[in-house]
Amino acid sequence: MADIEFVEAEYGDTYVITIKDENGVDANISAYTSGVLLINDLDLSTNKLNATLTGLPSSNSKVNWVMANGQTNYNGNFVAQIQLSGSSITKNTKMMSVKSHRKLST
Protein backbone atom coordinates (compact mmCIF):
# COMPACT_ATOMS: atom_id res chain seq x y z
CA MET A 1 0.00 0.00 0.00
CA ALA A 2 1.35 3.41 -0.99
CA ASP A 3 1.00 6.69 0.87
CA ILE A 4 -0.98 8.12 -2.08
CA GLU A 5 -2.97 5.91 -4.48
CA PHE A 6 -5.20 6.76 -7.40
CA VAL A 7 -6.33 5.40 -10.77
CA GLU A 8 -4.79 6.77 -13.95
CA ALA A 9 -6.77 9.74 -15.37
CA GLU A 10 -9.11 10.12 -12.39
CA TYR A 11 -9.92 13.59 -11.13
CA GLY A 12 -12.48 15.48 -9.08
CA ASP A 13 -11.58 13.93 -5.71
CA THR A 14 -10.05 15.81 -2.81
CA TYR A 15 -7.20 14.06 -1.02
CA VAL A 16 -6.73 15.27 2.55
CA ILE A 17 -3.09 14.85 3.58
CA THR A 18 -1.92 15.16 7.20
CA ILE A 19 1.55 16.66 7.65
CA LYS A 20 3.58 14.97 10.40
CA ASP A 21 6.78 16.02 12.18
CA GLU A 22 9.81 13.73 12.19
CA ASN A 23 8.57 12.12 15.43
CA GLY A 24 5.19 11.21 13.89
CA VAL A 25 3.19 13.90 15.69
CA ASP A 26 0.87 16.15 13.67
CA ALA A 27 2.93 19.16 12.56
CA ASN A 28 2.07 22.75 13.38
CA ILE A 29 1.69 24.23 9.90
CA SER A 30 -0.22 27.37 10.85
CA ALA A 31 2.68 29.62 9.72
CA TYR A 32 2.64 28.28 6.14
CA THR A 33 0.54 30.12 3.59
CA SER A 34 1.10 28.04 0.45
CA GLY A 35 2.09 24.56 -0.57
CA VAL A 36 2.63 22.29 -3.54
CA LEU A 37 2.49 18.55 -4.05
CA LEU A 38 5.26 17.25 -6.29
CA ILE A 39 5.16 13.78 -7.83
CA ASN A 40 8.28 12.50 -9.62
CA ASP A 41 9.53 9.31 -11.22
CA LEU A 42 11.33 7.00 -8.81
CA ASP A 43 14.73 8.20 -10.05
CA LEU A 44 13.61 11.83 -9.40
CA SER A 45 14.51 12.83 -12.97
CA THR A 46 11.03 13.61 -14.30
CA ASN A 47 8.35 15.65 -12.59
CA LYS A 48 4.85 14.28 -13.18
CA LEU A 49 2.90 16.75 -11.04
CA ASN A 50 3.32 20.15 -9.44
CA ALA A 51 -0.08 20.83 -7.86
CA THR A 52 -1.06 23.74 -5.66
CA LEU A 53 -2.51 22.62 -2.33
CA THR A 54 -5.50 24.24 -0.64
CA GLY A 55 -6.40 24.68 3.01
CA LEU A 56 -3.43 26.81 4.05
CA PRO A 57 -2.79 28.25 6.50
CA SER A 58 -4.05 25.27 8.52
CA SER A 59 -4.53 24.89 12.24
CA ASN A 60 -5.15 21.13 12.00
CA SER A 61 -2.01 19.82 10.17
CA LYS A 62 -4.01 19.03 7.04
CA VAL A 63 -3.71 20.20 3.44
CA ASN A 64 -5.89 19.32 0.45
CA TRP A 65 -5.05 18.19 -3.05
CA VAL A 66 -8.06 18.75 -5.31
CA MET A 67 -7.33 16.46 -8.27
CA ALA A 68 -7.79 18.37 -11.51
CA ASN A 69 -8.30 16.96 -14.99
CA GLY A 70 -4.94 15.98 -16.52
CA GLN A 71 -3.02 15.72 -13.24
CA THR A 72 -3.05 11.90 -13.10
CA ASN A 73 -2.47 10.84 -16.71
CA TYR A 74 0.21 8.25 -15.84
CA ASN A 75 0.42 4.92 -14.05
CA GLY A 76 3.07 3.08 -12.08
CA ASN A 77 5.12 3.79 -8.97
CA PHE A 78 6.37 7.26 -8.08
CA VAL A 79 7.54 9.40 -5.16
CA ALA A 80 5.96 12.56 -3.80
CA GLN A 81 6.89 15.41 -1.51
CA ILE A 82 4.94 18.34 -0.12
CA GLN A 83 6.72 21.68 -0.01
CA LEU A 84 5.22 24.34 2.26
CA SER A 85 6.22 27.99 2.42
CA GLY A 86 5.38 31.05 4.46
CA SER A 87 6.99 34.34 5.35
CA SER A 88 10.72 33.50 5.63
CA ILE A 89 9.96 29.84 6.37
CA THR A 90 9.82 26.61 4.35
CA LYS A 91 9.12 22.96 5.14
CA ASN A 92 9.60 19.85 3.02
CA THR A 93 7.97 16.59 4.04
CA LYS A 94 9.64 13.23 3.89
CA MET A 95 9.27 11.39 0.59
CA MET A 96 5.97 9.58 0.15
CA SER A 97 5.24 6.60 -2.05
CA VAL A 98 2.72 6.96 -4.88
CA LYS A 99 0.92 4.19 -6.75
CA SER A 100 -1.13 5.05 -9.80
CA HIS A 101 -3.22 2.10 -10.98
CA ARG A 102 -3.88 1.48 -14.65
CA LYS A 103 -7.29 2.50 -15.94
CA LEU A 104 -9.09 -0.34 -17.71
CA SER A 105 -10.39 0.46 -21.15
CA THR A 106 -14.01 -0.16 -22.07
PDB file of N, CA and C in Angstrom:
ATOM      1  N   MET A   1       0.844  -1.182   0.000  1.00  0.00           N
ATOM      2  CA  MET A   1       0.000   0.000   0.000  1.00  0.00           C
ATOM      3  C   MET A   1       0.894   1.252   0.000  1.00  0.00           C
ATOM      4  N   ALA A   2       0.580   2.169  -0.855  1.00  0.00           N
ATOM      5  CA  ALA A   2       1.349   3.409  -0.988  1.00  0.00           C
ATOM      6  C   ALA A   2       0.739   4.504  -0.118  1.00  0.00           C
ATOM      7  N   ASP A   3       1.509   5.543   0.121  1.00  0.00           N
ATOM      8  CA  ASP A   3       1.002   6.690   0.875  1.00  0.00           C
ATOM      9  C   ASP A   3      -0.119   7.398   0.117  1.00  0.00           C
ATOM     10  N   ILE A   4       0.033   7.507  -1.214  1.00  0.00           N
ATOM     11  CA  ILE A   4      -0.976   8.121  -2.079  1.00  0.00           C
ATOM     12  C   ILE A   4      -1.284   7.122  -3.188  1.00  0.00           C
ATOM     13  N   GLU A   5      -2.564   6.820  -3.404  1.00  0.00           N
ATOM     14  CA  GLU A   5      -2.971   5.908  -4.478  1.00  0.00           C
ATOM     15  C   GLU A   5      -4.132   6.512  -5.245  1.00  0.00           C
ATOM     16  N   PHE A   6      -4.103   6.319  -6.550  1.00  0.00           N
ATOM     17  CA  PHE A   6      -5.202   6.757  -7.397  1.00  0.00           C
ATOM     18  C   PHE A   6      -5.189   5.929  -8.680  1.00  0.00           C
ATOM     19  N   VAL A   7      -6.230   6.083  -9.480  1.00  0.00           N
ATOM     20  CA  VAL A   7      -6.333   5.401 -10.765  1.00  0.00           C
ATOM     21  C   VAL A   7      -5.990   6.399 -11.857  1.00  0.00           C
ATOM     22  N   GLU A   8      -5.205   5.948 -12.817  1.00  0.00           N
ATOM     23  CA  GLU A   8      -4.793   6.774 -13.947  1.00  0.00           C
ATOM     24  C   GLU A   8      -5.988   7.543 -14.520  1.00  0.00           C
ATOM     25  N   ALA A   9      -5.806   8.839 -14.737  1.00  0.00           N
ATOM     26  CA  ALA A   9      -6.767   9.740 -15.374  1.00  0.00           C
ATOM     27  C   ALA A   9      -7.988  10.067 -14.517  1.00  0.00           C
ATOM     28  N   GLU A  10      -7.977   9.705 -13.221  1.00  0.00           N
ATOM     29  CA  GLU A  10      -9.110  10.120 -12.389  1.00  0.00           C
ATOM     30  C   GLU A  10      -8.903  11.558 -11.937  1.00  0.00           C
ATOM     31  N   TYR A  11      -9.991  12.230 -11.645  1.00  0.00           N
ATOM     32  CA  TYR A  11      -9.925  13.593 -11.128  1.00  0.00           C
ATOM     33  C   TYR A  11     -11.247  13.938 -10.476  1.00  0.00           C
ATOM     34  N   GLY A  12     -11.259  15.038  -9.745  1.00  0.00           N
ATOM     35  CA  GLY A  12     -12.479  15.481  -9.076  1.00  0.00           C
ATOM     36  C   GLY A  12     -12.495  15.172  -7.595  1.00  0.00           C
ATOM     37  N   ASP A  13     -11.639  14.262  -7.127  1.00  0.00           N
ATOM     38  CA  ASP A  13     -11.579  13.933  -5.708  1.00  0.00           C
ATOM     39  C   ASP A  13     -10.704  14.929  -4.965  1.00  0.00           C
ATOM     40  N   THR A  14     -10.916  15.020  -3.676  1.00  0.00           N
ATOM     41  CA  THR A  14     -10.053  15.807  -2.808  1.00  0.00           C
ATOM     42  C   THR A  14      -9.335  14.855  -1.874  1.00  0.00           C
ATOM     43  N   TYR A  15      -8.020  14.858  -1.922  1.00  0.00           N
ATOM     44  CA  TYR A  15      -7.202  14.062  -1.017  1.00  0.00           C
ATOM     45  C   TYR A  15      -6.798  14.960   0.144  1.00  0.00           C
ATOM     46  N   VAL A  16      -7.121  14.539   1.358  1.00  0.00           N
ATOM     47  CA  VAL A  16      -6.728  15.269   2.553  1.00  0.00           C
ATOM     48  C   VAL A  16      -5.462  14.601   3.083  1.00  0.00           C
ATOM     49  N   ILE A  17      -4.393  15.376   3.179  1.00  0.00           N
ATOM     50  CA  ILE A  17      -3.090  14.850   3.579  1.00  0.00           C
ATOM     51  C   ILE A  17      -2.689  15.496   4.895  1.00  0.00           C
ATOM     52  N   THR A  18      -2.364  14.667   5.897  1.00  0.00           N
ATOM     53  CA  THR A  18      -1.922  15.159   7.198  1.00  0.00           C
ATOM     54  C   THR A  18      -0.407  15.261   7.208  1.00  0.00           C
ATOM     55  N   ILE A  19       0.103  16.418   7.570  1.00  0.00           N
ATOM     56  CA  ILE A  19       1.550  16.661   7.652  1.00  0.00           C
ATOM     57  C   ILE A  19       2.015  16.278   9.056  1.00  0.00           C
ATOM     58  N   LYS A  20       3.039  15.438   9.120  1.00  0.00           N
ATOM     59  CA  LYS A  20       3.584  14.969  10.400  1.00  0.00           C
ATOM     60  C   LYS A  20       5.001  15.490  10.583  1.00  0.00           C
ATOM     61  N   ASP A  21       5.384  15.711  11.850  1.00  0.00           N
ATOM     62  CA  ASP A  21       6.777  16.024  12.180  1.00  0.00           C
ATOM     63  C   ASP A  21       7.592  14.737  12.117  1.00  0.00           C
ATOM     64  N   GLU A  22       8.900  14.879  12.256  1.00  0.00           N
ATOM     65  CA  GLU A  22       9.808  13.727  12.190  1.00  0.00           C
ATOM     66  C   GLU A  22       9.473  12.662  13.227  1.00  0.00           C
ATOM     67  N   ASN A  23       8.900  13.064  14.365  1.00  0.00           N
ATOM     68  CA  ASN A  23       8.570  12.116  15.431  1.00  0.00           C
ATOM     69  C   ASN A  23       7.179  11.503  15.279  1.00  0.00           C
ATOM     70  N   GLY A  24       6.494  11.801  14.171  1.00  0.00           N
ATOM     71  CA  GLY A  24       5.188  11.208  13.892  1.00  0.00           C
ATOM     72  C   GLY A  24       4.004  11.975  14.449  1.00  0.00           C
ATOM     73  N   VAL A  25       4.253  13.076  15.127  1.00  0.00           N
ATOM     74  CA  VAL A  25       3.192  13.904  15.687  1.00  0.00           C
ATOM     75  C   VAL A  25       2.704  14.877  14.611  1.00  0.00           C
ATOM     76  N   ASP A  26       1.406  15.171  14.620  1.00  0.00           N
ATOM     77  CA  ASP A  26       0.871  16.150  13.669  1.00  0.00           C
ATOM     78  C   ASP A  26       1.661  17.448  13.758  1.00  0.00           C
ATOM     79  N   ALA A  27       2.084  17.956  12.607  1.00  0.00           N
ATOM     80  CA  ALA A  27       2.926  19.158  12.560  1.00  0.00           C
ATOM     81  C   ALA A  27       2.088  20.420  12.727  1.00  0.00           C
ATOM     82  N   ASN A  28       2.688  21.426  13.307  1.00  0.00           N
ATOM     83  CA  ASN A  28       2.075  22.748  13.381  1.00  0.00           C
ATOM     84  C   ASN A  28       2.417  23.467  12.075  1.00  0.00           C
ATOM     85  N   ILE A  29       1.439  23.596  11.197  1.00  0.00           N
ATOM     86  CA  ILE A  29       1.693  24.229   9.898  1.00  0.00           C
ATOM     87  C   ILE A  29       0.937  25.546   9.759  1.00  0.00           C
ATOM     88  N   SER A  30       0.563  26.137  10.884  1.00  0.00           N
ATOM     89  CA  SER A  30      -0.224  27.375  10.849  1.00  0.00           C
ATOM     90  C   SER A  30       0.547  28.564  10.276  1.00  0.00           C
ATOM     91  N   ALA A  31       1.875  28.505  10.250  1.00  0.00           N
ATOM     92  CA  ALA A  31       2.676  29.619   9.719  1.00  0.00           C
ATOM     93  C   ALA A  31       2.869  29.539   8.205  1.00  0.00           C
ATOM     94  N   TYR A  32       2.433  28.458   7.579  1.00  0.00           N
ATOM     95  CA  TYR A  32       2.642  28.278   6.138  1.00  0.00           C
ATOM     96  C   TYR A  32       1.411  28.752   5.378  1.00  0.00           C
ATOM     97  N   THR A  33       1.649  29.531   4.336  1.00  0.00           N
ATOM     98  CA  THR A  33       0.540  30.125   3.587  1.00  0.00           C
ATOM     99  C   THR A  33       0.323  29.505   2.216  1.00  0.00           C
ATOM    100  N   SER A  34       1.268  28.695   1.754  1.00  0.00           N
ATOM    101  CA  SER A  34       1.100  28.039   0.451  1.00  0.00           C
ATOM    102  C   SER A  34       1.843  26.713   0.450  1.00  0.00           C
ATOM    103  N   GLY A  35       1.437  25.856  -0.460  1.00  0.00           N
ATOM    104  CA  GLY A  35       2.095  24.556  -0.569  1.00  0.00           C
ATOM    105  C   GLY A  35       1.848  23.925  -1.917  1.00  0.00           C
ATOM    106  N   VAL A  36       2.763  23.039  -2.296  1.00  0.00           N
ATOM    107  CA  VAL A  36       2.631  22.285  -3.537  1.00  0.00           C
ATOM    108  C   VAL A  36       2.898  20.816  -3.262  1.00  0.00           C
ATOM    109  N   LEU A  37       2.248  19.984  -4.044  1.00  0.00           N
ATOM    110  CA  LEU A  37       2.491  18.546  -4.045  1.00  0.00           C
ATOM    111  C   LEU A  37       3.263  18.230  -5.313  1.00  0.00           C
ATOM    112  N   LEU A  38       4.443  17.671  -5.152  1.00  0.00           N
ATOM    113  CA  LEU A  38       5.263  17.254  -6.291  1.00  0.00           C
ATOM    114  C   LEU A  38       5.245  15.739  -6.378  1.00  0.00           C
ATOM    115  N   ILE A  39       5.044  15.215  -7.577  1.00  0.00           N
ATOM    116  CA  ILE A  39       5.159  13.777  -7.830  1.00  0.00           C
ATOM    117  C   ILE A  39       6.191  13.598  -8.932  1.00  0.00           C
ATOM    118  N   ASN A  40       7.184  12.751  -8.669  1.00  0.00           N
ATOM    119  CA  ASN A  40       8.276  12.504  -9.618  1.00  0.00           C
ATOM    120  C   ASN A  40       8.440  11.013  -9.859  1.00  0.00           C
ATOM    121  N   ASP A  41       9.114  10.694 -10.979  1.00  0.00           N
ATOM    122  CA  ASP A  41       9.528   9.314 -11.215  1.00  0.00           C
ATOM    123  C   ASP A  41      10.406   8.855 -10.059  1.00  0.00           C
ATOM    124  N   LEU A  42      10.545   7.546  -9.905  1.00  0.00           N
ATOM    125  CA  LEU A  42      11.334   6.996  -8.808  1.00  0.00           C
ATOM    126  C   LEU A  42      12.780   7.478  -8.808  1.00  0.00           C
ATOM    127  N   ASP A  43      13.339   7.724  -9.993  1.00  0.00           N
ATOM    128  CA  ASP A  43      14.733   8.197 -10.047  1.00  0.00           C
ATOM    129  C   ASP A  43      14.831   9.719  -9.895  1.00  0.00           C
ATOM    130  N   LEU A  44      13.714  10.377  -9.640  1.00  0.00           N
ATOM    131  CA  LEU A  44      13.607  11.825  -9.402  1.00  0.00           C
ATOM    132  C   LEU A  44      13.903  12.689 -10.620  1.00  0.00           C
ATOM    133  N   SER A  45      14.106  12.076 -11.790  1.00  0.00           N
ATOM    134  CA  SER A  45      14.513  12.826 -12.973  1.00  0.00           C
ATOM    135  C   SER A  45      13.365  13.552 -13.680  1.00  0.00           C
ATOM    136  N   THR A  46      12.151  13.028 -13.563  1.00  0.00           N
ATOM    137  CA  THR A  46      11.030  13.607 -14.299  1.00  0.00           C
ATOM    138  C   THR A  46       9.893  13.949 -13.356  1.00  0.00           C
ATOM    139  N   ASN A  47       9.478  15.212 -13.391  1.00  0.00           N
ATOM    140  CA  ASN A  47       8.350  15.651 -12.586  1.00  0.00           C
ATOM    141  C   ASN A  47       7.053  15.326 -13.303  1.00  0.00           C
ATOM    142  N   LYS A  48       6.150  14.630 -12.620  1.00  0.00           N
ATOM    143  CA  LYS A  48       4.845  14.278 -13.177  1.00  0.00           C
ATOM    144  C   LYS A  48       3.759  15.261 -12.752  1.00  0.00           C
ATOM    145  N   LEU A  49       3.941  15.876 -11.576  1.00  0.00           N
ATOM    146  CA  LEU A  49       2.899  16.747 -11.040  1.00  0.00           C
ATOM    147  C   LEU A  49       3.518  17.832 -10.164  1.00  0.00           C
ATOM    148  N   ASN A  50       2.991  19.023 -10.312  1.00  0.00           N
ATOM    149  CA  ASN A  50       3.320  20.151  -9.445  1.00  0.00           C
ATOM    150  C   ASN A  50       1.988  20.831  -9.171  1.00  0.00           C
ATOM    151  N   ALA A  51       1.284  20.373  -8.126  1.00  0.00           N
ATOM    152  CA  ALA A  51      -0.081  20.835  -7.861  1.00  0.00           C
ATOM    153  C   ALA A  51      -0.140  21.727  -6.642  1.00  0.00           C
ATOM    154  N   THR A  52      -0.838  22.839  -6.780  1.00  0.00           N
ATOM    155  CA  THR A  52      -1.056  23.741  -5.659  1.00  0.00           C
ATOM    156  C   THR A  52      -2.020  23.093  -4.675  1.00  0.00           C
ATOM    157  N   LEU A  53      -1.674  23.172  -3.385  1.00  0.00           N
ATOM    158  CA  LEU A  53      -2.512  22.624  -2.328  1.00  0.00           C
ATOM    159  C   LEU A  53      -3.422  23.707  -1.775  1.00  0.00           C
ATOM    160  N   THR A  54      -4.562  23.306  -1.258  1.00  0.00           N
ATOM    161  CA  THR A  54      -5.500  24.239  -0.643  1.00  0.00           C
ATOM    162  C   THR A  54      -5.561  23.960   0.863  1.00  0.00           C
ATOM    163  N   GLY A  55      -6.214  24.860   1.580  1.00  0.00           N
ATOM    164  CA  GLY A  55      -6.398  24.677   3.010  1.00  0.00           C
ATOM    165  C   GLY A  55      -5.339  25.314   3.870  1.00  0.00           C
ATOM    166  N   LEU A  56      -4.491  26.153   3.279  1.00  0.00           N
ATOM    167  CA  LEU A  56      -3.427  26.813   4.045  1.00  0.00           C
ATOM    168  C   LEU A  56      -3.748  28.288   4.229  1.00  0.00           C
ATOM    169  N   PRO A  57      -3.407  28.897   5.351  1.00  0.00           N
ATOM    170  CA  PRO A  57      -2.790  28.252   6.504  1.00  0.00           C
ATOM    171  C   PRO A  57      -3.775  27.298   7.181  1.00  0.00           C
ATOM    172  N   SER A  58      -3.237  26.314   7.894  1.00  0.00           N
ATOM    173  CA  SER A  58      -4.049  25.275   8.515  1.00  0.00           C
ATOM    174  C   SER A  58      -3.714  25.156   9.993  1.00  0.00           C
ATOM    175  N   SER A  59      -4.739  25.071  10.801  1.00  0.00           N
ATOM    176  CA  SER A  59      -4.529  24.887  12.241  1.00  0.00           C
ATOM    177  C   SER A  59      -4.660  23.424  12.640  1.00  0.00           C
ATOM    178  N   ASN A  60      -4.925  22.533  11.665  1.00  0.00           N
ATOM    179  CA  ASN A  60      -5.145  21.127  12.005  1.00  0.00           C
ATOM    180  C   ASN A  60      -4.177  20.170  11.307  1.00  0.00           C
ATOM    181  N   SER A  61      -3.056  20.645  10.802  1.00  0.00           N
ATOM    182  CA  SER A  61      -2.007  19.824  10.173  1.00  0.00           C
ATOM    183  C   SER A  61      -2.415  19.211   8.842  1.00  0.00           C
ATOM    184  N   LYS A  62      -3.515  19.644   8.268  1.00  0.00           N
ATOM    185  CA  LYS A  62      -4.014  19.030   7.042  1.00  0.00           C
ATOM    186  C   LYS A  62      -3.968  20.010   5.864  1.00  0.00           C
ATOM    187  N   VAL A  63      -3.640  19.466   4.695  1.00  0.00           N
ATOM    188  CA  VAL A  63      -3.705  20.202   3.436  1.00  0.00           C
ATOM    189  C   VAL A  63      -4.541  19.374   2.467  1.00  0.00           C
ATOM    190  N   ASN A  64      -5.013  20.006   1.408  1.00  0.00           N
ATOM    191  CA  ASN A  64      -5.886  19.321   0.450  1.00  0.00           C
ATOM    192  C   ASN A  64      -5.300  19.379  -0.955  1.00  0.00           C
ATOM    193  N   TRP A  65      -5.367  18.245  -1.627  1.00  0.00           N
ATOM    194  CA  TRP A  65      -5.053  18.186  -3.048  1.00  0.00           C
ATOM    195  C   TRP A  65      -6.364  17.915  -3.770  1.00  0.00           C
ATOM    196  N   VAL A  66      -6.858  18.910  -4.505  1.00  0.00           N
ATOM    197  CA  VAL A  66      -8.060  18.746  -5.312  1.00  0.00           C
ATOM    198  C   VAL A  66      -7.597  18.308  -6.691  1.00  0.00           C
ATOM    199  N   MET A  67      -7.830  17.047  -7.022  1.00  0.00           N
ATOM    200  CA  MET A  67      -7.328  16.463  -8.268  1.00  0.00           C
ATOM    201  C   MET A  67      -8.029  17.091  -9.467  1.00  0.00           C
ATOM    202  N   ALA A  68      -7.249  17.737 -10.321  1.00  0.00           N
ATOM    203  CA  ALA A  68      -7.788  18.374 -11.515  1.00  0.00           C
ATOM    204  C   ALA A  68      -7.593  17.476 -12.742  1.00  0.00           C
ATOM    205  N   ASN A  69      -8.398  17.701 -13.742  1.00  0.00           N
ATOM    206  CA  ASN A  69      -8.298  16.960 -14.991  1.00  0.00           C
ATOM    207  C   ASN A  69      -6.881  17.098 -15.559  1.00  0.00           C
ATOM    208  N   GLY A  70      -6.265  15.989 -15.929  1.00  0.00           N
ATOM    209  CA  GLY A  70      -4.937  15.980 -16.524  1.00  0.00           C
ATOM    210  C   GLY A  70      -3.803  15.797 -15.530  1.00  0.00           C
ATOM    211  N   GLN A  71      -4.091  15.838 -14.227  1.00  0.00           N
ATOM    212  CA  GLN A  71      -3.022  15.718 -13.237  1.00  0.00           C
ATOM    213  C   GLN A  71      -2.601  14.278 -12.956  1.00  0.00           C
ATOM    214  N   THR A  72      -3.351  13.306 -13.423  1.00  0.00           N
ATOM    215  CA  THR A  72      -3.051  11.900 -13.100  1.00  0.00           C
ATOM    216  C   THR A  72      -2.973  11.028 -14.354  1.00  0.00           C
ATOM    217  N   ASN A  73      -2.516  11.583 -15.449  1.00  0.00           N
ATOM    218  CA  ASN A  73      -2.471  10.842 -16.712  1.00  0.00           C
ATOM    219  C   ASN A  73      -1.205   9.996 -16.837  1.00  0.00           C
ATOM    220  N   TYR A  74      -0.965   9.134 -15.865  1.00  0.00           N
ATOM    221  CA  TYR A  74       0.206   8.250 -15.841  1.00  0.00           C
ATOM    222  C   TYR A  74      -0.093   7.123 -14.863  1.00  0.00           C
ATOM    223  N   ASN A  75       0.605   6.006 -15.009  1.00  0.00           N
ATOM    224  CA  ASN A  75       0.419   4.916 -14.052  1.00  0.00           C
ATOM    225  C   ASN A  75       1.768   4.302 -13.718  1.00  0.00           C
ATOM    226  N   GLY A  76       1.846   3.689 -12.556  1.00  0.00           N
ATOM    227  CA  GLY A  76       3.073   3.075 -12.080  1.00  0.00           C
ATOM    228  C   GLY A  76       3.395   3.535 -10.677  1.00  0.00           C
ATOM    229  N   ASN A  77       4.659   3.414 -10.298  1.00  0.00           N
ATOM    230  CA  ASN A  77       5.121   3.792  -8.967  1.00  0.00           C
ATOM    231  C   ASN A  77       5.958   5.060  -9.044  1.00  0.00           C
ATOM    232  N   PHE A  78       5.734   5.957  -8.087  1.00  0.00           N
ATOM    233  CA  PHE A  78       6.374   7.260  -8.078  1.00  0.00           C
ATOM    234  C   PHE A  78       6.692   7.661  -6.642  1.00  0.00           C
ATOM    235  N   VAL A  79       7.324   8.809  -6.481  1.00  0.00           N
ATOM    236  CA  VAL A  79       7.544   9.396  -5.162  1.00  0.00           C
ATOM    237  C   VAL A  79       6.933  10.792  -5.144  1.00  0.00           C
ATOM    238  N   ALA A  80       6.569  11.246  -3.953  1.00  0.00           N
ATOM    239  CA  ALA A  80       5.962  12.561  -3.802  1.00  0.00           C
ATOM    240  C   ALA A  80       6.574  13.277  -2.608  1.00  0.00           C
ATOM    241  N   GLN A  81       6.462  14.586  -2.634  1.00  0.00           N
ATOM    242  CA  GLN A  81       6.887  15.405  -1.514  1.00  0.00           C
ATOM    243  C   GLN A  81       6.005  16.643  -1.489  1.00  0.00           C
ATOM    244  N   ILE A  82       5.673  17.086  -0.284  1.00  0.00           N
ATOM    245  CA  ILE A  82       4.940  18.339  -0.119  1.00  0.00           C
ATOM    246  C   ILE A  82       5.932  19.398   0.317  1.00  0.00           C
ATOM    247  N   GLN A  83       5.855  20.546  -0.349  1.00  0.00           N
ATOM    248  CA  GLN A  83       6.715  21.680  -0.013  1.00  0.00           C
ATOM    249  C   GLN A  83       5.822  22.832   0.427  1.00  0.00           C
ATOM    250  N   LEU A  84       6.002  23.260   1.678  1.00  0.00           N
ATOM    251  CA  LEU A  84       5.223  24.344   2.259  1.00  0.00           C
ATOM    252  C   LEU A  84       6.089  25.590   2.374  1.00  0.00           C
ATOM    253  N   SER A  85       5.466  26.750   2.235  1.00  0.00           N
ATOM    254  CA  SER A  85       6.216  27.992   2.416  1.00  0.00           C
ATOM    255  C   SER A  85       5.339  29.039   3.082  1.00  0.00           C
ATOM    256  N   GLY A  86       6.023  29.937   3.782  1.00  0.00           N
ATOM    257  CA  GLY A  86       5.377  31.047   4.456  1.00  0.00           C
ATOM    258  C   GLY A  86       6.337  32.228   4.427  1.00  0.00           C
ATOM    259  N   SER A  87       6.118  33.172   5.286  1.00  0.00           N
ATOM    260  CA  SER A  87       6.986  34.344   5.349  1.00  0.00           C
ATOM    261  C   SER A  87       8.312  33.948   5.991  1.00  0.00           C
ATOM    262  N   SER A  88       9.363  33.850   5.174  1.00  0.00           N
ATOM    263  CA  SER A  88      10.720  33.496   5.628  1.00  0.00           C
ATOM    264  C   SER A  88      10.801  32.111   6.262  1.00  0.00           C
ATOM    265  N   ILE A  89       9.952  31.185   5.802  1.00  0.00           N
ATOM    266  CA  ILE A  89       9.960  29.841   6.368  1.00  0.00           C
ATOM    267  C   ILE A  89       9.542  28.835   5.292  1.00  0.00           C
ATOM    268  N   THR A  90      10.199  27.680   5.272  1.00  0.00           N
ATOM    269  CA  THR A  90       9.818  26.610   4.350  1.00  0.00           C
ATOM    270  C   THR A  90       9.863  25.274   5.086  1.00  0.00           C
ATOM    271  N   LYS A  91       9.131  24.310   4.572  1.00  0.00           N
ATOM    272  CA  LYS A  91       9.117  22.959   5.141  1.00  0.00           C
ATOM    273  C   LYS A  91       8.919  21.974   4.003  1.00  0.00           C
ATOM    274  N   ASN A  92       9.746  20.941   3.977  1.00  0.00           N
ATOM    275  CA  ASN A  92       9.597  19.848   3.020  1.00  0.00           C
ATOM    276  C   ASN A  92       9.299  18.578   3.792  1.00  0.00           C
ATOM    277  N   THR A  93       8.292  17.849   3.359  1.00  0.00           N
ATOM    278  CA  THR A  93       7.968  16.593   4.036  1.00  0.00           C
ATOM    279  C   THR A  93       8.950  15.507   3.608  1.00  0.00           C
ATOM    280  N   LYS A  94       8.908  14.410   4.315  1.00  0.00           N
ATOM    281  CA  LYS A  94       9.644  13.227   3.891  1.00  0.00           C
ATOM    282  C   LYS A  94       9.038  12.754   2.581  1.00  0.00           C
ATOM    283  N   MET A  95       9.784  11.940   1.844  1.00  0.00           N
ATOM    284  CA  MET A  95       9.269  11.387   0.591  1.00  0.00           C
ATOM    285  C   MET A  95       8.113  10.431   0.892  1.00  0.00           C
ATOM    286  N   MET A  96       7.119  10.466   0.036  1.00  0.00           N
ATOM    287  CA  MET A  96       5.967   9.578   0.148  1.00  0.00           C
ATOM    288  C   MET A  96       5.928   8.680  -1.088  1.00  0.00           C
ATOM    289  N   SER A  97       5.396   7.502  -0.918  1.00  0.00           N
ATOM    290  CA  SER A  97       5.240   6.596  -2.052  1.00  0.00           C
ATOM    291  C   SER A  97       3.907   6.870  -2.738  1.00  0.00           C
ATOM    292  N   VAL A  98       3.912   6.731  -4.069  1.00  0.00           N
ATOM    293  CA  VAL A  98       2.720   6.965  -4.875  1.00  0.00           C
ATOM    294  C   VAL A  98       2.510   5.757  -5.782  1.00  0.00           C
ATOM    295  N   LYS A  99       1.283   5.284  -5.841  1.00  0.00           N
ATOM    296  CA  LYS A  99       0.917   4.191  -6.746  1.00  0.00           C
ATOM    297  C   LYS A  99      -0.262   4.656  -7.577  1.00  0.00           C
ATOM    298  N   SER A 100      -0.052   4.718  -8.881  1.00  0.00           N
ATOM    299  CA  SER A 100      -1.133   5.046  -9.798  1.00  0.00           C
ATOM    300  C   SER A 100      -1.509   3.770 -10.542  1.00  0.00           C
ATOM    301  N   HIS A 101      -2.750   3.348 -10.381  1.00  0.00           N
ATOM    302  CA  HIS A 101      -3.216   2.098 -10.984  1.00  0.00           C
ATOM    303  C   HIS A 101      -3.692   2.348 -12.413  1.00  0.00           C
ATOM    304  N   ARG A 102      -3.461   1.377 -13.247  1.00  0.00           N
ATOM    305  CA  ARG A 102      -3.880   1.476 -14.652  1.00  0.00           C
ATOM    306  C   ARG A 102      -5.402   1.546 -14.757  1.00  0.00           C
ATOM    307  N   LYS A 103      -5.862   2.393 -15.646  1.00  0.00           N
ATOM    308  CA  LYS A 103      -7.287   2.502 -15.935  1.00  0.00           C
ATOM    309  C   LYS A 103      -7.650   1.460 -16.985  1.00  0.00           C
ATOM    310  N   LEU A 104      -8.667   0.659 -16.734  1.00  0.00           N
ATOM    311  CA  LEU A 104      -9.091  -0.338 -17.706  1.00  0.00           C
ATOM    312  C   LEU A 104      -9.867   0.350 -18.827  1.00  0.00           C
ATOM    313  N   SER A 105      -9.656  -0.108 -20.027  1.00  0.00           N
ATOM    314  CA  SER A 105     -10.394   0.463 -21.151  1.00  0.00           C
ATOM    315  C   SER A 105     -11.724  -0.255 -21.307  1.00  0.00           C
ATOM    316  N   THR A 106     -12.678   0.435 -21.908  1.00  0.00           N
ATOM    317  CA  THR A 106     -14.014  -0.159 -22.074  1.00  0.00           C
ATOM    318  C   THR A 106     -14.160  -0.771 -23.446  1.00  0.00           C
TER     319      THR A 106
END
